[in-house]
mmCIF file of all heavy atoms, coordinates in Angstrom:
data_MODEL
# 
_entry.id   MODEL 
# 
loop_
_atom_site.group_PDB 
_atom_site.id 
_atom_site.type_symbol 
_atom_site.label_atom_id 
_atom_site.label_alt_id 
_atom_site.label_comp_id 
_atom_site.label_asym_id 
_atom_site.label_entity_id 
_atom_site.label_seq_id 
_atom_site.pdbx_PDB_ins_code 
_atom_site.Cartn_x 
_atom_site.Cartn_y 
_atom_site.Cartn_z 
_atom_site.occupancy 
_atom_site.B_iso_or_equiv 
_atom_site.pdbx_formal_charge 
_atom_site.auth_seq_id 
_atom_site.auth_comp_id 
_atom_site.auth_asym_id 
_atom_site.auth_atom_id 
_atom_site.pdbx_PDB_model_num 
ATOM 1   N N   . PHE A 1 1  ? 0.823   -1.228  -0.019 1.00 0.00 ? 1  PHE A N   1 
ATOM 2   C CA  . PHE A 1 1  ? -0.014  -0.001  0.007  1.00 0.00 ? 1  PHE A CA  1 
ATOM 3   C C   . PHE A 1 1  ? 0.836   1.255   -0.033 1.00 0.00 ? 1  PHE A C   1 
ATOM 4   O O   . PHE A 1 1  ? 0.395   2.317   -0.527 1.00 0.00 ? 1  PHE A O   1 
ATOM 5   C CB  . PHE A 1 1  ? -0.940  -0.047  1.155  1.00 0.00 ? 1  PHE A CB  1 
ATOM 6   C CG  . PHE A 1 1  ? -1.852  -1.227  1.126  1.00 0.00 ? 1  PHE A CG  1 
ATOM 7   C CD1 . PHE A 1 1  ? -1.679  -2.260  1.952  1.00 0.00 ? 1  PHE A CD1 1 
ATOM 8   C CD2 . PHE A 1 1  ? -2.952  -1.208  0.260  1.00 0.00 ? 1  PHE A CD2 1 
ATOM 9   C CE1 . PHE A 1 1  ? -2.525  -3.399  1.917  1.00 0.00 ? 1  PHE A CE1 1 
ATOM 10  C CE2 . PHE A 1 1  ? -3.794  -2.318  0.201  1.00 0.00 ? 1  PHE A CE2 1 
ATOM 11  C CZ  . PHE A 1 1  ? -3.620  -3.439  1.016  1.00 0.00 ? 1  PHE A CZ  1 
ATOM 12  N N   . ASN A 1 2  ? 2.068   1.217   0.559  1.00 0.00 ? 2  ASN A N   1 
ATOM 13  C CA  . ASN A 1 2  ? 2.950   2.333   0.467  1.00 0.00 ? 2  ASN A CA  1 
ATOM 14  C C   . ASN A 1 2  ? 3.607   2.380   -0.861 1.00 0.00 ? 2  ASN A C   1 
ATOM 15  O O   . ASN A 1 2  ? 3.942   3.506   -1.359 1.00 0.00 ? 2  ASN A O   1 
ATOM 16  C CB  . ASN A 1 2  ? 4.024   2.232   1.569  1.00 0.00 ? 2  ASN A CB  1 
ATOM 17  C CG  . ASN A 1 2  ? 3.516   2.546   2.955  1.00 0.00 ? 2  ASN A CG  1 
ATOM 18  O OD1 . ASN A 1 2  ? 2.531   3.273   3.088  1.00 0.00 ? 2  ASN A OD1 1 
ATOM 19  N ND2 . ASN A 1 2  ? 4.051   1.870   3.950  1.00 0.00 ? 2  ASN A ND2 1 
ATOM 20  N N   . SER A 1 3  ? 3.804   1.266   -1.513 1.00 0.00 ? 3  SER A N   1 
ATOM 21  C CA  . SER A 1 3  ? 4.490   1.229   -2.812 1.00 0.00 ? 3  SER A CA  1 
ATOM 22  C C   . SER A 1 3  ? 3.556   1.651   -3.948 1.00 0.00 ? 3  SER A C   1 
ATOM 23  O O   . SER A 1 3  ? 4.046   2.227   -4.940 1.00 0.00 ? 3  SER A O   1 
ATOM 24  C CB  . SER A 1 3  ? 5.000   -0.207  -3.070 1.00 0.00 ? 3  SER A CB  1 
ATOM 25  O OG  . SER A 1 3  ? 5.952   -0.613  -2.125 1.00 0.00 ? 3  SER A OG  1 
ATOM 26  N N   . PHE A 1 4  ? 2.253   1.335   -3.797 1.00 0.00 ? 4  PHE A N   1 
ATOM 27  C CA  . PHE A 1 4  ? 1.328   1.632   -4.871 1.00 0.00 ? 4  PHE A CA  1 
ATOM 28  C C   . PHE A 1 4  ? 0.119   2.419   -4.341 1.00 0.00 ? 4  PHE A C   1 
ATOM 29  O O   . PHE A 1 4  ? -0.813  1.808   -3.731 1.00 0.00 ? 4  PHE A O   1 
ATOM 30  C CB  . PHE A 1 4  ? 0.881   0.288   -5.546 1.00 0.00 ? 4  PHE A CB  1 
ATOM 31  C CG  . PHE A 1 4  ? 2.094   -0.456  -6.064 1.00 0.00 ? 4  PHE A CG  1 
ATOM 32  C CD1 . PHE A 1 4  ? 2.526   -1.602  -5.314 1.00 0.00 ? 4  PHE A CD1 1 
ATOM 33  C CD2 . PHE A 1 4  ? 2.749   -0.082  -7.140 1.00 0.00 ? 4  PHE A CD2 1 
ATOM 34  C CE1 . PHE A 1 4  ? 3.670   -2.232  -5.794 1.00 0.00 ? 4  PHE A CE1 1 
ATOM 35  C CE2 . PHE A 1 4  ? 3.914   -0.735  -7.581 1.00 0.00 ? 4  PHE A CE2 1 
ATOM 36  C CZ  . PHE A 1 4  ? 4.350   -1.842  -6.908 1.00 0.00 ? 4  PHE A CZ  1 
ATOM 37  N N   . ARG A 1 5  ? 0.104   3.664   -4.533 1.00 0.00 ? 5  ARG A N   1 
ATOM 38  C CA  . ARG A 1 5  ? -0.874  4.605   -3.909 1.00 0.00 ? 5  ARG A CA  1 
ATOM 39  C C   . ARG A 1 5  ? -2.331  4.349   -4.268 1.00 0.00 ? 5  ARG A C   1 
ATOM 40  O O   . ARG A 1 5  ? -3.257  4.752   -3.525 1.00 0.00 ? 5  ARG A O   1 
ATOM 41  C CB  . ARG A 1 5  ? -0.443  6.033   -4.123 1.00 0.00 ? 5  ARG A CB  1 
ATOM 42  C CG  . ARG A 1 5  ? -0.451  6.452   -5.577 1.00 0.00 ? 5  ARG A CG  1 
ATOM 43  C CD  . ARG A 1 5  ? 0.091   7.884   -5.736 1.00 0.00 ? 5  ARG A CD  1 
ATOM 44  N NE  . ARG A 1 5  ? 0.256   8.127   -7.132 1.00 0.00 ? 5  ARG A NE  1 
ATOM 45  C CZ  . ARG A 1 5  ? -0.505  8.956   -7.793 1.00 0.00 ? 5  ARG A CZ  1 
ATOM 46  N NH1 . ARG A 1 5  ? -1.529  9.569   -7.201 1.00 0.00 ? 5  ARG A NH1 1 
ATOM 47  N NH2 . ARG A 1 5  ? -0.312  9.164   -9.120 1.00 0.00 ? 5  ARG A NH2 1 
ATOM 48  N N   . ASN A 1 6  ? -2.579  3.724   -5.413 1.00 0.00 ? 6  ASN A N   1 
ATOM 49  C CA  . ASN A 1 6  ? -3.974  3.513   -5.800 1.00 0.00 ? 6  ASN A CA  1 
ATOM 50  C C   . ASN A 1 6  ? -4.567  2.224   -5.259 1.00 0.00 ? 6  ASN A C   1 
ATOM 51  O O   . ASN A 1 6  ? -5.761  1.992   -5.382 1.00 0.00 ? 6  ASN A O   1 
ATOM 52  C CB  . ASN A 1 6  ? -4.100  3.537   -7.319 1.00 0.00 ? 6  ASN A CB  1 
ATOM 53  C CG  . ASN A 1 6  ? -3.802  4.899   -7.913 1.00 0.00 ? 6  ASN A CG  1 
ATOM 54  O OD1 . ASN A 1 6  ? -4.130  5.899   -7.332 1.00 0.00 ? 6  ASN A OD1 1 
ATOM 55  N ND2 . ASN A 1 6  ? -3.135  4.909   -9.053 1.00 0.00 ? 6  ASN A ND2 1 
ATOM 56  N N   . ALA A 1 7  ? -3.739  1.406   -4.699 1.00 0.00 ? 7  ALA A N   1 
ATOM 57  C CA  . ALA A 1 7  ? -4.173  0.123   -4.131 1.00 0.00 ? 7  ALA A CA  1 
ATOM 58  C C   . ALA A 1 7  ? -4.925  0.385   -2.838 1.00 0.00 ? 7  ALA A C   1 
ATOM 59  O O   . ALA A 1 7  ? -4.499  1.177   -1.974 1.00 0.00 ? 7  ALA A O   1 
ATOM 60  C CB  . ALA A 1 7  ? -3.010  -0.781  -3.858 1.00 0.00 ? 7  ALA A CB  1 
ATOM 61  N N   . GLU A 1 8  ? -6.032  -0.327  -2.610 1.00 0.00 ? 8  GLU A N   1 
ATOM 62  C CA  . GLU A 1 8  ? -6.831  -0.126  -1.457 1.00 0.00 ? 8  GLU A CA  1 
ATOM 63  C C   . GLU A 1 8  ? -7.039  -1.370  -0.594 1.00 0.00 ? 8  GLU A C   1 
ATOM 64  O O   . GLU A 1 8  ? -7.053  -1.349  0.601  1.00 0.00 ? 8  GLU A O   1 
ATOM 65  C CB  . GLU A 1 8  ? -8.203  0.424   -1.830 1.00 0.00 ? 8  GLU A CB  1 
ATOM 66  C CG  . GLU A 1 8  ? -8.126  1.763   -2.469 1.00 0.00 ? 8  GLU A CG  1 
ATOM 67  C CD  . GLU A 1 8  ? -9.495  2.200   -3.049 1.00 0.00 ? 8  GLU A CD  1 
ATOM 68  O OE1 . GLU A 1 8  ? -10.528 1.582   -2.734 1.00 0.00 ? 8  GLU A OE1 1 
ATOM 69  O OE2 . GLU A 1 8  ? -9.480  3.178   -3.842 1.00 0.00 ? 8  GLU A OE2 1 
ATOM 70  N N   . THR A 1 9  ? -7.207  -2.523  -1.296 1.00 0.00 ? 9  THR A N   1 
ATOM 71  C CA  . THR A 1 9  ? -7.521  -3.801  -0.575 1.00 0.00 ? 9  THR A CA  1 
ATOM 72  C C   . THR A 1 9  ? -6.751  -4.962  -1.262 1.00 0.00 ? 9  THR A C   1 
ATOM 73  O O   . THR A 1 9  ? -6.646  -4.972  -2.456 1.00 0.00 ? 9  THR A O   1 
ATOM 74  C CB  . THR A 1 9  ? -9.021  -4.048  -0.655 1.00 0.00 ? 9  THR A CB  1 
ATOM 75  O OG1 . THR A 1 9  ? -9.689  -2.926  -0.117 1.00 0.00 ? 9  THR A OG1 1 
ATOM 76  C CG2 . THR A 1 9  ? -9.396  -5.298  0.170  1.00 0.00 ? 9  THR A CG2 1 
ATOM 77  N N   . LEU A 1 10 ? -6.366  -5.952  -0.510 1.00 0.00 ? 10 LEU A N   1 
ATOM 78  C CA  . LEU A 1 10 ? -5.824  -7.174  -0.973 1.00 0.00 ? 10 LEU A CA  1 
ATOM 79  C C   . LEU A 1 10 ? -6.596  -8.324  -0.372 1.00 0.00 ? 10 LEU A C   1 
ATOM 80  O O   . LEU A 1 10 ? -6.754  -8.383  0.855  1.00 0.00 ? 10 LEU A O   1 
ATOM 81  C CB  . LEU A 1 10 ? -4.353  -7.376  -0.635 1.00 0.00 ? 10 LEU A CB  1 
ATOM 82  C CG  . LEU A 1 10 ? -3.330  -6.769  -1.532 1.00 0.00 ? 10 LEU A CG  1 
ATOM 83  C CD1 . LEU A 1 10 ? -1.928  -7.015  -0.994 1.00 0.00 ? 10 LEU A CD1 1 
ATOM 84  C CD2 . LEU A 1 10 ? -3.374  -7.298  -2.923 1.00 0.00 ? 10 LEU A CD2 1 
ATOM 85  N N   . ASP A 1 11 ? -7.075  -9.258  -1.200 1.00 0.00 ? 11 ASP A N   1 
ATOM 86  C CA  . ASP A 1 11 ? -7.660  -10.486 -0.718 1.00 0.00 ? 11 ASP A CA  1 
ATOM 87  C C   . ASP A 1 11 ? -6.463  -11.492 -0.584 1.00 0.00 ? 11 ASP A C   1 
ATOM 88  O O   . ASP A 1 11 ? -5.824  -11.726 -1.617 1.00 0.00 ? 11 ASP A O   1 
ATOM 89  C CB  . ASP A 1 11 ? -8.714  -11.000 -1.673 1.00 0.00 ? 11 ASP A CB  1 
ATOM 90  C CG  . ASP A 1 11 ? -9.880  -10.106 -1.817 1.00 0.00 ? 11 ASP A CG  1 
ATOM 91  O OD1 . ASP A 1 11 ? -10.306 -9.567  -0.783 1.00 0.00 ? 11 ASP A OD1 1 
ATOM 92  O OD2 . ASP A 1 11 ? -10.401 -9.888  -2.935 1.00 0.00 ? 11 ASP A OD2 1 
ATOM 93  N N   . VAL A 1 12 ? -6.181  -11.953 0.558  1.00 0.00 ? 12 VAL A N   1 
ATOM 94  C CA  . VAL A 1 12 ? -5.041  -12.768 0.866  1.00 0.00 ? 12 VAL A CA  1 
ATOM 95  C C   . VAL A 1 12 ? -5.456  -14.172 1.234  1.00 0.00 ? 12 VAL A C   1 
ATOM 96  O O   . VAL A 1 12 ? -6.285  -14.410 2.055  1.00 0.00 ? 12 VAL A O   1 
ATOM 97  C CB  . VAL A 1 12 ? -4.207  -12.138 2.091  1.00 0.00 ? 12 VAL A CB  1 
ATOM 98  C CG1 . VAL A 1 12 ? -3.017  -13.003 2.425  1.00 0.00 ? 12 VAL A CG1 1 
ATOM 99  C CG2 . VAL A 1 12 ? -3.815  -10.713 1.766  1.00 0.00 ? 12 VAL A CG2 1 
ATOM 100 N N   . ASN A 1 13 ? -4.793  -15.146 0.553  1.00 0.00 ? 13 ASN A N   1 
ATOM 101 C CA  . ASN A 1 13 ? -4.977  -16.564 0.819  1.00 0.00 ? 13 ASN A CA  1 
ATOM 102 C C   . ASN A 1 13 ? -3.633  -17.117 1.183  1.00 0.00 ? 13 ASN A C   1 
ATOM 103 O O   . ASN A 1 13 ? -2.652  -16.928 0.467  1.00 0.00 ? 13 ASN A O   1 
ATOM 104 C CB  . ASN A 1 13 ? -5.467  -17.293 -0.488 1.00 0.00 ? 13 ASN A CB  1 
ATOM 105 C CG  . ASN A 1 13 ? -6.823  -16.807 -0.897 1.00 0.00 ? 13 ASN A CG  1 
ATOM 106 O OD1 . ASN A 1 13 ? -7.779  -16.947 -0.195 1.00 0.00 ? 13 ASN A OD1 1 
ATOM 107 N ND2 . ASN A 1 13 ? -6.824  -16.187 -2.031 1.00 0.00 ? 13 ASN A ND2 1 
ATOM 108 N N   . ILE A 1 14 ? -3.557  -17.819 2.347  1.00 0.00 ? 14 ILE A N   1 
ATOM 109 C CA  . ILE A 1 14 ? -2.264  -18.369 2.792  1.00 0.00 ? 14 ILE A CA  1 
ATOM 110 C C   . ILE A 1 14 ? -2.550  -19.840 3.077  1.00 0.00 ? 14 ILE A C   1 
ATOM 111 O O   . ILE A 1 14 ? -3.434  -20.216 3.809  1.00 0.00 ? 14 ILE A O   1 
ATOM 112 C CB  . ILE A 1 14 ? -1.729  -17.637 4.035  1.00 0.00 ? 14 ILE A CB  1 
ATOM 113 C CG1 . ILE A 1 14 ? -1.477  -16.141 3.677  1.00 0.00 ? 14 ILE A CG1 1 
ATOM 114 C CG2 . ILE A 1 14 ? -0.490  -18.328 4.505  1.00 0.00 ? 14 ILE A CG2 1 
ATOM 115 C CD1 . ILE A 1 14 ? -1.019  -15.317 4.846  1.00 0.00 ? 14 ILE A CD1 1 
ATOM 116 N N   . VAL A 1 15 ? -1.628  -20.710 2.536  1.00 0.00 ? 15 VAL A N   1 
ATOM 117 C CA  . VAL A 1 15 ? -1.656  -22.126 2.721  1.00 0.00 ? 15 VAL A CA  1 
ATOM 118 C C   . VAL A 1 15 ? -0.381  -22.540 3.414  1.00 0.00 ? 15 VAL A C   1 
ATOM 119 O O   . VAL A 1 15 ? 0.721   -22.222 2.962  1.00 0.00 ? 15 VAL A O   1 
ATOM 120 C CB  . VAL A 1 15 ? -1.799  -22.899 1.407  1.00 0.00 ? 15 VAL A CB  1 
ATOM 121 C CG1 . VAL A 1 15 ? -1.769  -24.400 1.624  1.00 0.00 ? 15 VAL A CG1 1 
ATOM 122 C CG2 . VAL A 1 15 ? -3.073  -22.515 0.684  1.00 0.00 ? 15 VAL A CG2 1 
ATOM 123 N N   . GLY A 1 16 ? -0.497  -23.155 4.572  1.00 0.00 ? 16 GLY A N   1 
ATOM 124 C CA  . GLY A 1 16 ? 0.650   -23.632 5.320  1.00 0.00 ? 16 GLY A CA  1 
ATOM 125 C C   . GLY A 1 16 ? 0.531   -25.075 5.663  1.00 0.00 ? 16 GLY A C   1 
ATOM 126 O O   . GLY A 1 16 ? -0.411  -25.742 5.231  1.00 0.00 ? 16 GLY A O   1 
ATOM 127 N N   . PRO A 1 17 ? 1.519   -25.623 6.367  1.00 0.00 ? 17 PRO A N   1 
ATOM 128 C CA  . PRO A 1 17 ? 1.554   -27.052 6.709  1.00 0.00 ? 17 PRO A CA  1 
ATOM 129 C C   . PRO A 1 17 ? 0.301   -27.492 7.463  1.00 0.00 ? 17 PRO A C   1 
ATOM 130 O O   . PRO A 1 17 ? -0.138  -28.627 7.351  1.00 0.00 ? 17 PRO A O   1 
ATOM 131 C CB  . PRO A 1 17 ? 2.812   -27.259 7.493  1.00 0.00 ? 17 PRO A CB  1 
ATOM 132 C CG  . PRO A 1 17 ? 3.624   -26.049 7.272  1.00 0.00 ? 17 PRO A CG  1 
ATOM 133 C CD  . PRO A 1 17 ? 2.714   -24.922 6.879  1.00 0.00 ? 17 PRO A CD  1 
ATOM 134 N N   . LYS A 1 18 ? -0.276  -26.669 8.341  1.00 0.00 ? 18 LYS A N   1 
ATOM 135 C CA  . LYS A 1 18 ? -1.359  -27.072 9.188  1.00 0.00 ? 18 LYS A CA  1 
ATOM 136 C C   . LYS A 1 18 ? -2.723  -26.481 8.810  1.00 0.00 ? 18 LYS A C   1 
ATOM 137 O O   . LYS A 1 18 ? -3.797  -27.046 9.192  1.00 0.00 ? 18 LYS A O   1 
ATOM 138 C CB  . LYS A 1 18 ? -1.108  -26.670 10.634 1.00 0.00 ? 18 LYS A CB  1 
ATOM 139 C CG  . LYS A 1 18 ? -0.017  -27.519 11.242 1.00 0.00 ? 18 LYS A CG  1 
ATOM 140 C CD  . LYS A 1 18 ? 0.083   -27.265 12.757 1.00 0.00 ? 18 LYS A CD  1 
ATOM 141 C CE  . LYS A 1 18 ? 1.070   -28.113 13.377 1.00 0.00 ? 18 LYS A CE  1 
ATOM 142 N NZ  . LYS A 1 18 ? 1.274   -27.838 14.770 1.00 0.00 ? 18 LYS A NZ  1 
ATOM 143 N N   . SER A 1 19 ? -2.756  -25.395 8.060  1.00 0.00 ? 19 SER A N   1 
ATOM 144 C CA  . SER A 1 19 ? -4.060  -24.812 7.727  1.00 0.00 ? 19 SER A CA  1 
ATOM 145 C C   . SER A 1 19 ? -3.978  -23.905 6.527  1.00 0.00 ? 19 SER A C   1 
ATOM 146 O O   . SER A 1 19 ? -2.898  -23.545 6.084  1.00 0.00 ? 19 SER A O   1 
ATOM 147 C CB  . SER A 1 19 ? -4.661  -24.044 8.929  1.00 0.00 ? 19 SER A CB  1 
ATOM 148 O OG  . SER A 1 19 ? -3.907  -22.892 9.137  1.00 0.00 ? 19 SER A OG  1 
ATOM 149 N N   . GLN A 1 20 ? -5.175  -23.445 6.133  1.00 0.00 ? 20 GLN A N   1 
ATOM 150 C CA  . GLN A 1 20 ? -5.298  -22.446 5.061  1.00 0.00 ? 20 GLN A CA  1 
ATOM 151 C C   . GLN A 1 20 ? -6.169  -21.379 5.636  1.00 0.00 ? 20 GLN A C   1 
ATOM 152 O O   . GLN A 1 20 ? -7.165  -21.645 6.277  1.00 0.00 ? 20 GLN A O   1 
ATOM 153 C CB  . GLN A 1 20 ? -5.964  -23.096 3.860  1.00 0.00 ? 20 GLN A CB  1 
ATOM 154 C CG  . GLN A 1 20 ? -6.225  -22.113 2.752  1.00 0.00 ? 20 GLN A CG  1 
ATOM 155 C CD  . GLN A 1 20 ? -6.793  -22.706 1.484  1.00 0.00 ? 20 GLN A CD  1 
ATOM 156 O OE1 . GLN A 1 20 ? -6.741  -23.927 1.330  1.00 0.00 ? 20 GLN A OE1 1 
ATOM 157 N NE2 . GLN A 1 20 ? -7.358  -21.932 0.660  1.00 0.00 ? 20 GLN A NE2 1 
ATOM 158 N N   . LYS A 1 21 ? -5.745  -20.118 5.424  1.00 0.00 ? 21 LYS A N   1 
ATOM 159 C CA  . LYS A 1 21 ? -6.493  -18.946 5.985  1.00 0.00 ? 21 LYS A CA  1 
ATOM 160 C C   . LYS A 1 21 ? -6.690  -17.933 4.903  1.00 0.00 ? 21 LYS A C   1 
ATOM 161 O O   . LYS A 1 21 ? -5.874  -17.793 3.945  1.00 0.00 ? 21 LYS A O   1 
ATOM 162 C CB  . LYS A 1 21 ? -5.771  -18.341 7.131  1.00 0.00 ? 21 LYS A CB  1 
ATOM 163 C CG  . LYS A 1 21 ? -5.715  -19.259 8.353  1.00 0.00 ? 21 LYS A CG  1 
ATOM 164 C CD  . LYS A 1 21 ? -5.162  -18.516 9.564  1.00 0.00 ? 21 LYS A CD  1 
ATOM 165 C CE  . LYS A 1 21 ? -5.177  -19.370 10.805 1.00 0.00 ? 21 LYS A CE  1 
ATOM 166 N NZ  . LYS A 1 21 ? -4.789  -18.646 12.003 1.00 0.00 ? 21 LYS A NZ  1 
ATOM 167 N N   . LYS A 1 22 ? -7.785  -17.165 5.059  1.00 0.00 ? 22 LYS A N   1 
ATOM 168 C CA  . LYS A 1 22 ? -8.113  -16.055 4.162  1.00 0.00 ? 22 LYS A CA  1 
ATOM 169 C C   . LYS A 1 22 ? -8.175  -14.805 5.016  1.00 0.00 ? 22 LYS A C   1 
ATOM 170 O O   . LYS A 1 22 ? -8.621  -14.802 6.147  1.00 0.00 ? 22 LYS A O   1 
ATOM 171 C CB  . LYS A 1 22 ? -9.449  -16.239 3.449  1.00 0.00 ? 22 LYS A CB  1 
ATOM 172 C CG  . LYS A 1 22 ? -9.440  -17.383 2.491  1.00 0.00 ? 22 LYS A CG  1 
ATOM 173 C CD  . LYS A 1 22 ? -10.742 -17.423 1.738  1.00 0.00 ? 22 LYS A CD  1 
ATOM 174 C CE  . LYS A 1 22 ? -10.652 -18.587 0.702  1.00 0.00 ? 22 LYS A CE  1 
ATOM 175 N NZ  . LYS A 1 22 ? -11.596 -18.368 -0.338 1.00 0.00 ? 22 LYS A NZ  1 
ATOM 176 N N   . PHE A 1 23 ? -7.667  -13.725 4.412  1.00 0.00 ? 23 PHE A N   1 
ATOM 177 C CA  . PHE A 1 23 ? -7.702  -12.440 5.075  1.00 0.00 ? 23 PHE A CA  1 
ATOM 178 C C   . PHE A 1 23 ? -8.048  -11.358 4.041  1.00 0.00 ? 23 PHE A C   1 
ATOM 179 O O   . PHE A 1 23 ? -7.892  -11.536 2.889  1.00 0.00 ? 23 PHE A O   1 
ATOM 180 C CB  . PHE A 1 23 ? -6.306  -12.081 5.615  1.00 0.00 ? 23 PHE A CB  1 
ATOM 181 C CG  . PHE A 1 23 ? -5.690  -13.090 6.546  1.00 0.00 ? 23 PHE A CG  1 
ATOM 182 C CD1 . PHE A 1 23 ? -4.910  -14.144 6.141  1.00 0.00 ? 23 PHE A CD1 1 
ATOM 183 C CD2 . PHE A 1 23 ? -5.862  -12.951 7.913  1.00 0.00 ? 23 PHE A CD2 1 
ATOM 184 C CE1 . PHE A 1 23 ? -4.387  -15.045 7.001  1.00 0.00 ? 23 PHE A CE1 1 
ATOM 185 C CE2 . PHE A 1 23 ? -5.348  -13.819 8.773  1.00 0.00 ? 23 PHE A CE2 1 
ATOM 186 C CZ  . PHE A 1 23 ? -4.559  -14.875 8.361  1.00 0.00 ? 23 PHE A CZ  1 
ATOM 187 N N   . GLU A 1 24 ? -8.432  -10.243 4.568  1.00 0.00 ? 24 GLU A N   1 
ATOM 188 C CA  . GLU A 1 24 ? -8.571  -8.991  3.739  1.00 0.00 ? 24 GLU A CA  1 
ATOM 189 C C   . GLU A 1 24 ? -7.732  -7.928  4.453  1.00 0.00 ? 24 GLU A C   1 
ATOM 190 O O   . GLU A 1 24 ? -7.926  -7.623  5.585  1.00 0.00 ? 24 GLU A O   1 
ATOM 191 C CB  . GLU A 1 24 ? -10.059 -8.565  3.663  1.00 0.00 ? 24 GLU A CB  1 
ATOM 192 C CG  . GLU A 1 24 ? -10.278 -7.386  2.772  1.00 0.00 ? 24 GLU A CG  1 
ATOM 193 C CD  . GLU A 1 24 ? -11.697 -6.901  2.745  1.00 0.00 ? 24 GLU A CD  1 
ATOM 194 O OE1 . GLU A 1 24 ? -12.101 -6.184  3.640  1.00 0.00 ? 24 GLU A OE1 1 
ATOM 195 O OE2 . GLU A 1 24 ? -12.360 -7.366  1.796  1.00 0.00 ? 24 GLU A OE2 1 
ATOM 196 N N   . VAL A 1 25 ? -6.740  -7.423  3.691  1.00 0.00 ? 25 VAL A N   1 
ATOM 197 C CA  . VAL A 1 25 ? -5.927  -6.365  4.210  1.00 0.00 ? 25 VAL A CA  1 
ATOM 198 C C   . VAL A 1 25 ? -6.234  -5.062  3.483  1.00 0.00 ? 25 VAL A C   1 
ATOM 199 O O   . VAL A 1 25 ? -6.568  -5.089  2.273  1.00 0.00 ? 25 VAL A O   1 
ATOM 200 C CB  . VAL A 1 25 ? -4.408  -6.690  4.174  1.00 0.00 ? 25 VAL A CB  1 
ATOM 201 C CG1 . VAL A 1 25 ? -4.126  -7.833  5.123  1.00 0.00 ? 25 VAL A CG1 1 
ATOM 202 C CG2 . VAL A 1 25 ? -3.975  -7.049  2.818  1.00 0.00 ? 25 VAL A CG2 1 
# 
């Protein structure tokens, strides 16, 4: 968000060894 001033939201998906999580930043 500091690098790209027009960006407002990221839908984040993370997959790890024990779980998968979704976030909105």
